[in-house]
């Protein structure tokens, strides 16, 4: 089978049937014969962010980067927040960013806040995320990861929640979708190991609020982008989330790559 030249910053495959595949780092060449199948019974995006070398080709390859935490810099965008500076969340001038997209053949880019940014209290507006997609609506698409997701983190940390908190979570999620500014949810740190202080997250993928989020995402036909280290427990939780609503689309960021030896 023909080997594909892939100028890769981030790559995702969507299989709308019963199979999804995750790209594995294979050295210099991405060989489609070596892709490892992962069996699921609903659409599942596997987002891989491992760079691989480019094989020379006369035909350019174009793709969509489905996972990025880009902080735009330049006129019309907010200055880097004190929080971003304190924790080293870097950005890039918008002109340079689009030049990079063009260089690597990226036709569109899905942008979102990192789990650390959400945990530490920032909002999408602080990082210029919805502003960027409004300025470039055909190339940049924003995901929602604001107050509702931070509330999810807090109630899991505390071990319980009230009916009012659950209603607030659903209301904020619905508001985000009705605003028209967002094309999905993320990045949600389900099992997220991070060096930033207090940003280690353990959120069950089958938490009741995640099941509600899956239902809302399916209703609006938008994806949920998750960061989840792969363990036996987290994989079982993800399976339960997928079974809960088979119309929900899940982007599993980093191809499920794990620092934990799985």
Protein backbone atom coordinates (compact mmCIF):
# COMPACT_ATOMS: atom_id res chain seq x y z
CA UNK A 1 0.00 0.00 0.00
CA UNK A 2 1.20 3.51 -0.81
CA UNK A 3 2.88 5.45 1.95
CA UNK A 4 1.42 8.90 2.51
CA UNK A 5 3.56 12.02 2.89
CA UNK A 6 2.09 13.85 5.87
CA UNK A 7 3.32 17.33 6.83
CA UNK A 8 1.90 16.93 10.28
CA UNK A 9 1.39 19.40 13.10
CA UNK A 10 -1.83 17.72 14.19
CA UNK A 11 -3.93 15.20 12.35
CA UNK A 12 -7.30 13.59 12.97
CA UNK A 13 -9.26 10.84 11.31
CA UNK A 14 -13.05 10.54 11.46
CA UNK A 15 -14.68 7.23 10.69
CA UNK A 16 -18.43 7.64 10.71
CA UNK A 17 -19.04 3.90 10.84
CA UNK A 18 -17.87 1.32 13.32
CA UNK A 19 -14.11 1.90 13.28
CA UNK A 20 -11.77 4.65 14.38
CA UNK A 21 -8.03 4.69 14.06
CA UNK A 22 -5.31 6.38 16.06
CA UNK A 23 -2.08 7.49 14.43
CA UNK A 24 0.99 6.06 16.09
CA UNK A 25 4.43 7.73 15.84
CA UNK A 26 6.36 5.56 13.38
CA UNK A 27 9.64 7.42 12.86
CA UNK A 28 10.11 9.25 9.61
CA UNK A 29 7.16 7.96 7.62
CA UNK A 30 3.48 7.57 8.44
CA UNK A 31 2.61 4.23 6.85
CA UNK A 32 -1.14 3.70 6.61
CA UNK A 33 -0.63 -0.09 6.84
CA UNK A 34 0.73 0.38 10.36
CA UNK A 35 -2.24 2.26 11.79
CA UNK A 36 -3.64 0.53 14.86
CA UNK A 37 -7.43 -0.03 14.77
CA UNK A 38 -9.55 0.84 17.79
CA UNK A 39 -13.07 -0.52 17.64
CA UNK A 40 -15.97 1.71 18.58
CA UNK A 41 -19.62 1.70 17.56
CA UNK A 42 -19.97 5.45 16.99
CA UNK A 43 -17.98 8.30 15.46
CA UNK A 44 -14.80 8.99 17.39
CA UNK A 45 -12.16 11.54 16.50
CA UNK A 46 -8.63 10.56 17.48
CA UNK A 47 -6.48 13.68 17.45
CA UNK A 48 -2.75 13.10 17.16
CA UNK A 49 -0.27 15.87 17.85
CA UNK A 50 3.01 13.98 17.44
CA UNK A 51 5.13 15.66 14.74
CA UNK A 52 6.51 13.39 12.03
CA UNK A 53 8.93 14.17 9.23
CA UNK A 54 7.70 15.31 5.83
CA UNK A 55 8.31 13.11 2.81
CA UNK A 56 8.80 15.13 -0.38
CA UNK A 57 5.74 15.09 -2.62
CA UNK A 58 4.67 17.03 -5.69
CA UNK A 59 1.11 17.24 -4.37
CA UNK A 60 0.37 19.27 -1.20
CA UNK A 61 -1.73 17.66 1.52
CA UNK A 62 -4.27 19.79 3.34
CA UNK A 63 -5.89 18.97 6.65
CA UNK A 64 -7.72 20.37 9.67
CA UNK A 65 -5.99 20.75 13.01
CA UNK A 66 -8.68 19.65 15.46
CA UNK A 67 -6.85 20.47 18.68
CA UNK A 68 -5.02 23.66 19.58
CA UNK A 69 -4.54 25.99 22.54
CA UNK A 70 -3.53 29.07 20.57
CA UNK A 71 -3.46 32.48 22.28
CA UNK A 72 -3.65 35.19 19.59
CA UNK A 73 -1.50 38.29 19.93
CA UNK A 74 -1.90 41.55 18.06
CA UNK A 75 -4.28 44.47 17.50
CA UNK A 76 -7.85 43.66 18.39
CA UNK A 77 -6.93 40.88 20.81
CA UNK A 78 -6.53 41.10 24.58
CA UNK A 79 -3.02 41.45 26.00
CA UNK A 80 -1.62 38.40 27.72
CA UNK A 81 -3.28 38.11 31.10
CA UNK A 82 -1.28 38.14 34.30
CA UNK A 83 -2.21 34.48 34.70
CA UNK A 84 -0.85 33.59 31.27
CA UNK A 85 2.40 35.37 32.02
CA UNK A 86 2.72 33.80 35.48
CA UNK A 87 2.28 30.24 34.26
CA UNK A 88 4.07 30.60 30.95
CA UNK A 89 1.11 30.23 28.60
CA UNK A 90 2.67 31.52 25.40
CA UNK A 91 1.03 33.02 22.36
CA UNK A 92 2.01 34.04 18.84
CA UNK A 93 1.32 37.07 16.66
CA UNK A 94 -1.68 36.37 14.45
CA UNK A 95 0.27 37.07 11.24
CA UNK A 96 2.88 34.46 12.17
CA UNK A 97 0.20 31.97 13.15
CA UNK A 98 -1.55 32.13 9.79
CA UNK A 99 1.77 31.95 7.97
CA UNK A 100 2.49 28.74 9.89
CA UNK A 101 -0.93 27.34 8.98
CA UNK A 102 -0.28 28.03 5.31
CA UNK A 103 3.21 26.52 5.47
CA UNK A 104 1.91 23.24 6.89
CA UNK A 105 -1.23 23.01 4.77
CA UNK A 106 -3.66 23.60 7.64
CA UNK A 107 -6.94 24.81 6.12
CA UNK A 108 -8.82 25.17 9.41
CA UNK A 109 -8.01 25.17 13.10
CA UNK A 110 -10.09 24.30 16.16
CA UNK A 111 -9.04 26.47 19.10
CA UNK A 112 -9.75 26.05 22.80
CA UNK A 113 -8.53 26.76 26.29
CA UNK A 114 -6.20 24.23 27.86
CA UNK A 115 -7.48 22.41 30.97
CA UNK A 116 -4.90 24.28 33.03
CA UNK A 117 -6.21 27.64 31.82
CA UNK A 118 -9.78 26.67 32.68
CA UNK A 119 -8.79 25.28 36.08
CA UNK A 120 -6.89 28.42 37.02
CA UNK A 121 -9.87 30.65 36.35
CA UNK A 122 -9.41 32.21 32.93
CA UNK A 123 -12.16 32.73 30.36
CA UNK A 124 -12.14 32.31 26.61
CA UNK A 125 -12.35 36.08 26.21
CA UNK A 126 -9.23 36.55 28.34
CA UNK A 127 -7.30 34.46 25.82
CA UNK A 128 -8.90 35.92 22.68
CA UNK A 129 -10.36 32.60 21.59
CA UNK A 130 -13.88 33.60 20.44
CA UNK A 131 -12.55 36.90 19.14
CA UNK A 132 -10.20 35.04 16.80
CA UNK A 133 -12.90 32.82 15.32
CA UNK A 134 -15.17 35.84 14.85
CA UNK A 135 -12.39 37.62 12.98
CA UNK A 136 -11.59 34.56 10.84
CA UNK A 137 -14.84 32.53 10.73
CA UNK A 138 -13.85 30.32 7.79
CA UNK A 139 -10.53 29.21 9.25
CA UNK A 140 -10.81 29.27 13.05
CA UNK A 141 -13.46 27.53 15.15
CA UNK A 142 -13.75 27.96 18.91
CA UNK A 143 -14.70 25.40 21.55
CA UNK A 144 -16.30 26.30 24.86
CA UNK A 145 -14.38 25.50 28.04
CA UNK A 146 -15.34 28.29 30.39
CA UNK A 147 -17.25 28.64 33.65
CA UNK A 148 -19.34 25.50 33.19
CA UNK A 149 -16.29 23.28 32.75
CA UNK A 150 -14.51 24.92 35.66
CA UNK A 151 -17.62 24.23 37.78
CA UNK A 152 -17.40 20.57 36.72
CA UNK A 153 -13.81 20.44 37.95
CA UNK A 154 -14.75 21.99 41.28
CA UNK A 155 -17.70 19.73 42.09
CA UNK A 156 -15.69 16.61 41.30
CA UNK A 157 -12.88 17.87 43.52
CA UNK A 158 -15.37 18.45 46.36
CA UNK A 159 -17.05 15.10 45.89
CA UNK A 160 -20.61 16.27 45.36
CA UNK A 161 -22.94 18.90 43.98
CA UNK A 162 -26.34 20.48 44.50
CA UNK A 163 -29.30 20.53 42.16
CA UNK A 164 -28.70 24.26 41.71
CA UNK A 165 -25.10 23.67 40.63
CA UNK A 166 -26.22 21.08 38.10
CA UNK A 167 -28.85 23.46 36.73
CA UNK A 168 -26.19 26.18 36.48
CA UNK A 169 -23.89 23.83 34.57
CA UNK A 170 -26.60 22.99 32.04
CA UNK A 171 -27.66 26.63 31.71
CA UNK A 172 -24.10 27.80 30.97
CA UNK A 173 -23.61 25.03 28.42
CA UNK A 174 -26.86 25.88 26.67
CA UNK A 175 -26.01 29.59 26.70
CA UNK A 176 -22.65 28.89 25.07
CA UNK A 177 -24.32 26.98 22.26
CA UNK A 178 -27.09 29.52 21.73
CA UNK A 179 -24.53 32.33 21.56
CA UNK A 180 -23.29 31.02 18.22
CA UNK A 181 -19.67 31.68 19.23
CA UNK A 182 -18.69 28.06 19.82
CA UNK A 183 -18.64 24.91 17.71
CA UNK A 184 -18.23 22.41 20.53
CA UNK A 185 -16.79 21.85 24.00
CA UNK A 186 -13.21 21.52 25.18
CA UNK A 187 -10.55 21.01 26.03
CA UNK A 188 -11.94 19.04 28.97
CA UNK A 189 -9.32 17.46 31.19
CA UNK A 190 -10.72 14.12 32.31
CA UNK A 191 -7.46 12.56 33.41
CA UNK A 192 -4.95 15.37 33.02
CA UNK A 193 -1.45 15.33 34.49
CA UNK A 194 0.12 18.79 34.40
CA UNK A 195 3.08 20.59 35.89
CA UNK A 196 1.08 23.76 36.58
CA UNK A 197 0.20 23.97 40.26
CA UNK A 198 -3.14 22.30 41.09
CA UNK A 199 -3.91 21.44 37.46
CA UNK A 200 -3.84 17.65 37.95
CA UNK A 201 -7.39 16.61 37.13
CA UNK A 202 -9.25 13.33 37.54
CA UNK A 203 -12.77 13.64 36.15
CA UNK A 204 -14.65 10.41 35.41
CA UNK A 205 -15.66 10.34 31.75
CA UNK A 206 -18.99 8.86 32.85
CA UNK A 207 -19.65 11.53 35.50
CA UNK A 208 -23.38 12.50 35.38
CA UNK A 209 -22.50 15.95 34.12
CA UNK A 210 -20.38 14.51 31.31
CA UNK A 211 -23.38 12.40 30.29
CA UNK A 212 -25.52 15.56 30.21
CA UNK A 213 -22.83 17.30 28.19
CA UNK A 214 -22.82 14.42 25.70
CA UNK A 215 -26.59 14.75 25.28
CA UNK A 216 -26.36 18.50 24.67
CA UNK A 217 -23.44 18.07 22.26
CA UNK A 218 -25.41 15.44 20.33
CA UNK A 219 -28.45 17.72 20.19
CA UNK A 220 -26.39 20.55 18.68
CA UNK A 221 -24.28 18.10 16.61
CA UNK A 222 -20.97 19.44 17.95
CA UNK A 223 -17.92 17.57 19.33
CA UNK A 224 -16.46 17.28 22.82
CA UNK A 225 -12.67 17.48 22.97
CA UNK A 226 -11.18 15.56 25.90
CA UNK A 227 -7.69 15.16 27.32
CA UNK A 228 -7.53 11.75 28.98
CA UNK A 229 -4.50 9.75 30.01
CA UNK A 230 -5.16 6.11 29.16
CA UNK A 231 -5.53 3.73 32.10
CA UNK A 232 -7.74 0.68 32.56
CA UNK A 233 -10.13 2.74 34.68
CA UNK A 234 -10.28 5.79 32.42
CA UNK A 235 -10.81 3.63 29.32
CA UNK A 236 -13.73 1.84 30.98
CA UNK A 237 -15.24 5.23 31.90
CA UNK A 238 -14.81 6.44 28.31
CA UNK A 239 -16.57 3.33 27.01
CA UNK A 240 -19.53 4.10 29.28
CA UNK A 241 -19.62 7.71 28.03
CA UNK A 242 -19.63 6.51 24.41
CA UNK A 243 -22.39 3.98 25.08
CA UNK A 244 -24.53 6.62 26.83
CA UNK A 245 -25.22 8.56 23.64
CA UNK A 246 -24.01 7.06 20.39
CA UNK A 247 -24.69 10.30 18.54
CA UNK A 248 -22.13 12.21 20.62
CA UNK A 249 -18.85 12.96 18.82
CA UNK A 250 -15.71 12.74 20.95
CA UNK A 251 -12.28 14.11 20.06
CA UNK A 252 -9.72 12.19 22.11
CA UNK A 253 -6.81 14.60 22.06
CA UNK A 254 -3.23 13.44 21.55
CA UNK A 255 -4.48 10.07 20.24
CA UNK A 256 -4.92 9.00 23.85
CA UNK A 257 -1.17 9.27 24.39
CA UNK A 258 -0.25 8.61 27.99
CA UNK A 259 2.70 9.38 30.21
CA UNK A 260 1.65 6.58 32.53
CA UNK A 261 3.05 3.65 30.57
CA UNK A 262 -0.13 2.51 28.79
